[in-house]
Protein backbone atom coordinates (compact mmCIF):
# COMPACT_ATOMS: atom_id res chain seq x y z
CA UNK A 1 0.00 0.00 0.00
CA UNK A 2 1.19 3.49 -0.65
CA UNK A 3 1.51 6.31 1.82
CA UNK A 4 -1.36 8.50 0.70
CA UNK A 5 -4.79 9.59 1.81
CA UNK A 6 -7.86 7.73 0.64
CA UNK A 7 -10.27 9.60 -1.58
CA UNK A 8 -13.93 9.02 -2.53
CA UNK A 9 -12.98 6.76 -5.45
CA UNK A 10 -10.94 4.50 -3.19
CA UNK A 11 -13.87 4.22 -0.82
CA UNK A 12 -16.22 3.23 -3.67
CA UNK A 13 -13.73 0.61 -4.87
CA UNK A 14 -13.52 -0.89 -1.39
CA UNK A 15 -17.31 -1.00 -1.11
CA UNK A 16 -17.56 -2.89 -4.42
CA UNK A 17 -15.00 -5.42 -3.20
CA UNK A 18 -16.85 -5.86 0.08
CA UNK A 19 -20.18 -6.49 -1.66
CA UNK A 20 -18.80 -9.64 -3.24
CA UNK A 21 -17.73 -11.09 0.10
CA UNK A 22 -21.21 -11.07 1.60
CA UNK A 23 -22.96 -12.35 -1.49
CA UNK A 24 -25.28 -15.20 -0.61
CA UNK A 25 -25.18 -18.00 -3.10
CA UNK A 26 -28.36 -19.84 -3.83
CA UNK A 27 -29.04 -23.40 -4.88
CA UNK A 28 -28.51 -25.04 -8.25
CA UNK A 29 -31.69 -25.91 -10.16
CA UNK A 30 -30.86 -29.61 -9.67
CA UNK A 31 -30.99 -29.10 -5.89
CA UNK A 32 -34.22 -27.11 -6.12
CA UNK A 33 -35.86 -29.89 -8.15
CA UNK A 34 -35.49 -32.20 -5.13
CA UNK A 35 -38.26 -30.32 -3.37
CA UNK A 36 -41.75 -31.64 -4.13
CA UNK A 37 -44.12 -30.02 -6.59
CA UNK A 38 -47.88 -30.33 -6.47
CA UNK A 39 -50.99 -28.75 -7.90
CA UNK A 40 -52.83 -26.44 -5.54
CA UNK A 41 -56.48 -27.27 -4.82
CA UNK A 42 -58.66 -24.98 -2.73
CA UNK A 43 -60.88 -27.17 -0.55
CA UNK A 44 -62.74 -24.60 1.55
CA UNK A 45 -64.18 -21.62 -0.29
CA UNK A 46 -65.21 -19.94 2.99
CA UNK A 47 -61.60 -19.27 3.97
CA UNK A 48 -59.48 -16.61 2.33
CA UNK A 49 -57.26 -18.01 -0.38
CA UNK A 50 -53.64 -18.45 0.73
CA UNK A 51 -51.09 -16.29 -1.02
CA UNK A 52 -47.62 -16.87 -2.34
CA UNK A 53 -45.40 -14.94 0.06
CA UNK A 54 -43.01 -14.03 -2.75
CA UNK A 55 -45.31 -12.51 -5.40
CA UNK A 56 -48.19 -11.85 -2.96
CA UNK A 57 -50.75 -13.27 -5.40
CA UNK A 58 -53.49 -15.62 -4.24
CA UNK A 59 -53.03 -19.30 -4.99
CA UNK A 60 -55.82 -20.59 -7.22
CA UNK A 61 -56.90 -24.06 -8.26
CA UNK A 62 -54.43 -25.52 -10.70
CA UNK A 63 -51.41 -23.43 -9.68
CA UNK A 64 -48.19 -25.44 -9.54
CA UNK A 65 -46.61 -25.06 -6.13
CA UNK A 66 -43.35 -26.24 -4.58
CA UNK A 67 -43.01 -27.05 -0.89
CA UNK A 68 -39.70 -26.56 0.92
CA UNK A 69 -38.65 -28.67 3.95
CA UNK A 70 -40.13 -26.23 6.49
CA UNK A 71 -43.49 -26.94 4.79
CA UNK A 72 -44.02 -23.47 3.33
CA UNK A 73 -45.34 -23.52 -0.24
CA UNK A 74 -45.00 -21.06 -3.10
CA UNK A 75 -45.62 -20.82 -6.83
CA UNK A 76 -42.97 -22.99 -8.51
CA UNK A 77 -41.58 -20.13 -10.61
CA UNK A 78 -41.42 -17.80 -7.59
CA UNK A 79 -39.62 -20.15 -5.21
CA UNK A 80 -37.27 -21.50 -7.89
CA UNK A 81 -36.08 -17.99 -8.70
CA UNK A 82 -35.79 -17.17 -4.98
CA UNK A 83 -33.76 -20.30 -4.16
CA UNK A 84 -31.36 -19.68 -7.05
CA UNK A 85 -30.43 -16.45 -5.25
CA UNK A 86 -30.92 -17.30 -1.57
CA UNK A 87 -30.77 -20.74 0.08
CA UNK A 88 -33.37 -19.93 2.76
CA UNK A 89 -37.15 -20.05 3.00
CA UNK A 90 -38.47 -16.52 2.38
CA UNK A 91 -40.99 -16.87 5.23
CA UNK A 92 -39.06 -18.39 8.14
CA UNK A 93 -35.46 -18.21 6.81
CA UNK A 94 -34.98 -21.97 7.32
CA UNK A 95 -31.78 -23.01 5.50
CA UNK A 96 -33.39 -25.36 2.99
CA UNK A 97 -30.13 -26.80 1.64
CA UNK A 98 -29.38 -28.41 5.02
CA UNK A 99 -32.40 -30.69 4.95
CA UNK A 100 -31.60 -34.19 3.72
CA UNK A 101 -34.90 -35.93 4.47
CA UNK A 102 -37.51 -34.46 2.19
CA UNK A 103 -41.09 -35.66 1.97
CA UNK A 104 -41.63 -37.62 -1.22
CA UNK A 105 -44.81 -35.75 -1.99
CA UNK A 106 -46.82 -33.14 -0.16
CA UNK A 107 -50.42 -32.85 -1.20
CA UNK A 108 -52.15 -29.50 -1.38
CA UNK A 109 -54.86 -30.95 0.85
CA UNK A 110 -52.34 -31.55 3.66
CA UNK A 111 -51.11 -27.99 3.32
CA UNK A 112 -54.64 -26.59 3.33
CA UNK A 113 -55.57 -28.63 6.42
CA UNK A 114 -52.81 -27.15 8.52
CA UNK A 115 -49.88 -29.55 8.32
CA UNK A 116 -48.11 -26.98 6.21
CA UNK A 117 -48.26 -23.27 5.70
CA UNK A 118 -48.77 -21.69 2.32
C-alpha cells in the first residue's frame, strides 16, 4: 500500500469489493428440483385463499406449487427464482439446503388442512 490519503474513489472501490464477500449463493436448479411439486387445490371456499409470500398473489386451483422442507409452499416459478439467489425459505429463513430428508410428496390438501403453511 502506498503512503497516501484515501479519496472518494478508493472508498467506492472498497465497497464494491466488500459487496462480493457477503454475497449469498443460492441453490442449483438440480438441488431445487429435489423439493416436491404439487398442484394447488382450494378445498374450503369460505376461507381466504392463501397467497404466495413471494409474489403476494393468491393461490388458485391448478397453480403449480413447490413445498420446501419447512413446509411453506410457493408458486414454482417464484420459489425457484428465490432459491437460485438465496438458500433460505423466504418466510421463516430456514436453511433449505441443510435438509436431507424431504417428503416424497406433499399434497395440497395436507397444506390446506394445517400440516403446512402456504
